[in-house]
């Protein structure tokens, strides 16, 4: 009887220890995942700040109304390694898009896809 009782106690103790360890690990993983989401939110604020800085530099450099060619020239000068995509009516750098009217003057600027 003592061998069977001892065996059951060992299994029961092992089960509860394993259960406790799994609850702790799941809790730590849940906290780590939620912390990662917060850090992504900070990164998007940094990206918005960078976009605003780019727009401010371009518009300050263009005291007469900005045109497509002058905005493109200014962006290429300030960001030589950045990927800048240009069409007839838009200029895109990162997730920032400059829209131009038919006359070539800056119409609006948007951030995002």
Protein backbone atom coordinates (compact mmCIF):
# COMPACT_ATOMS: atom_id res chain seq x y z
CA UNK A 1 0.00 0.00 0.00
CA UNK A 2 2.78 2.42 0.76
CA UNK A 3 4.42 1.94 -2.64
CA UNK A 4 1.16 2.71 -4.47
CA UNK A 5 0.40 5.73 -2.24
CA UNK A 6 3.91 7.08 -2.66
CA UNK A 7 3.71 6.65 -6.43
CA UNK A 8 0.40 8.51 -6.57
CA UNK A 9 1.77 11.34 -4.44
CA UNK A 10 4.81 11.69 -6.71
CA UNK A 11 2.62 11.80 -9.82
CA UNK A 12 0.21 14.26 -8.20
CA UNK A 13 3.07 16.52 -7.05
CA UNK A 14 4.66 16.37 -10.50
CA UNK A 15 1.35 17.23 -12.14
CA UNK A 16 0.78 20.33 -9.98
CA UNK A 17 4.37 21.50 -10.41
CA UNK A 18 4.04 21.16 -14.19
CA UNK A 19 0.66 22.93 -14.09
CA UNK A 20 2.15 25.82 -12.12
CA UNK A 21 5.11 26.15 -14.48
CA UNK A 22 2.82 26.18 -17.53
CA UNK A 23 0.60 28.91 -16.01
CA UNK A 24 3.67 31.05 -15.30
CA UNK A 25 5.07 30.54 -18.82
CA UNK A 26 1.73 31.40 -20.45
CA UNK A 27 1.47 34.53 -18.28
CA UNK A 28 4.98 35.67 -19.23
CA UNK A 29 4.29 35.09 -22.94
CA UNK A 30 1.03 37.05 -22.72
CA UNK A 31 2.76 40.00 -21.07
CA UNK A 32 5.61 39.91 -23.61
CA UNK A 33 3.11 39.94 -26.49
CA UNK A 34 1.21 42.93 -25.10
CA UNK A 35 4.48 44.83 -24.54
CA UNK A 36 5.40 44.28 -28.18
CA UNK A 37 2.12 45.88 -29.30
CA UNK A 38 2.89 48.98 -27.27
CA UNK A 39 6.34 49.29 -28.84
CA UNK A 40 4.78 49.09 -32.32
CA UNK A 41 2.49 51.98 -31.38
CA UNK A 42 5.55 54.06 -30.47
CA UNK A 43 7.17 53.23 -33.80
CA UNK A 44 4.16 54.53 -35.69
CA UNK A 45 4.37 57.81 -33.75
CA UNK A 46 8.04 58.06 -34.73
CA UNK A 47 7.13 57.43 -38.37
CA UNK A 48 4.45 60.14 -38.22
CA UNK A 49 7.00 62.54 -36.75
CA UNK A 50 9.47 61.74 -39.51
CA UNK A 51 6.76 62.30 -42.13
CA UNK A 52 5.88 65.65 -40.61
CA UNK A 53 9.55 66.64 -40.58
CA UNK A 54 9.89 65.76 -44.28
CA UNK A 55 6.78 67.77 -45.20
CA UNK A 56 7.97 70.74 -43.15
CA UNK A 57 11.41 70.77 -44.82
CA UNK A 58 9.88 70.54 -48.29
CA UNK A 59 7.32 73.29 -47.70
CA UNK A 60 9.79 75.66 -46.03
CA UNK A 61 12.17 75.25 -48.95
CA UNK A 62 9.33 76.09 -51.37
CA UNK A 63 8.22 79.61 -50.44
CA UNK A 64 6.41 80.14 -53.71
CA UNK A 65 3.78 77.40 -54.09
CA UNK A 66 5.52 74.04 -54.36
CA UNK A 67 5.61 72.33 -57.74
CA UNK A 68 6.20 68.68 -58.57
CA UNK A 69 9.72 69.27 -59.89
CA UNK A 70 10.80 71.40 -56.93
CA UNK A 71 9.37 68.93 -54.38
CA UNK A 72 11.07 66.02 -56.16
CA UNK A 73 14.37 67.91 -56.28
CA UNK A 74 14.15 68.82 -52.60
CA UNK A 75 13.28 65.25 -51.54
CA UNK A 76 16.15 63.79 -53.57
CA UNK A 77 18.56 66.34 -52.08
CA UNK A 78 17.47 65.74 -48.45
CA UNK A 79 17.05 61.95 -48.75
CA UNK A 80 19.62 60.67 -51.27
CA UNK A 81 19.27 57.00 -50.28
CA UNK A 82 15.49 56.90 -49.89
CA UNK A 83 13.24 55.19 -52.41
CA UNK A 84 11.26 57.96 -54.09
CA UNK A 85 8.54 57.02 -56.60
CA UNK A 86 7.26 59.73 -58.94
CA UNK A 87 4.35 59.78 -61.41
CA UNK A 88 2.79 62.66 -63.29
CA UNK A 89 0.50 63.60 -60.39
CA UNK A 90 2.20 62.10 -57.29
CA UNK A 91 5.55 61.80 -55.54
CA UNK A 92 5.88 59.10 -52.87
CA UNK A 93 8.58 58.63 -50.24
CA UNK A 94 7.95 55.87 -47.69
CA UNK A 95 4.26 56.03 -46.79
CA UNK A 96 4.05 59.77 -47.50
CA UNK A 97 2.43 60.85 -50.78
CA UNK A 98 2.43 64.33 -52.31
CA UNK A 99 -0.47 64.95 -54.74
CA UNK A 100 -0.21 67.60 -57.45
CA UNK A 101 -2.93 69.41 -59.42
CA UNK A 102 -2.99 69.53 -63.21
CA UNK A 103 -0.86 72.72 -63.26
CA UNK A 104 1.88 70.94 -61.29
CA UNK A 105 1.28 72.78 -57.99
CA UNK A 106 1.11 70.90 -54.71
CA UNK A 107 -2.51 70.02 -53.95
CA UNK A 108 -2.31 67.89 -50.80
CA UNK A 109 -0.14 65.53 -48.79
CA UNK A 110 -1.32 62.25 -47.26
CA UNK A 111 0.26 59.66 -45.02
CA UNK A 112 -0.57 55.98 -45.26
CA UNK A 113 -1.65 53.58 -47.95
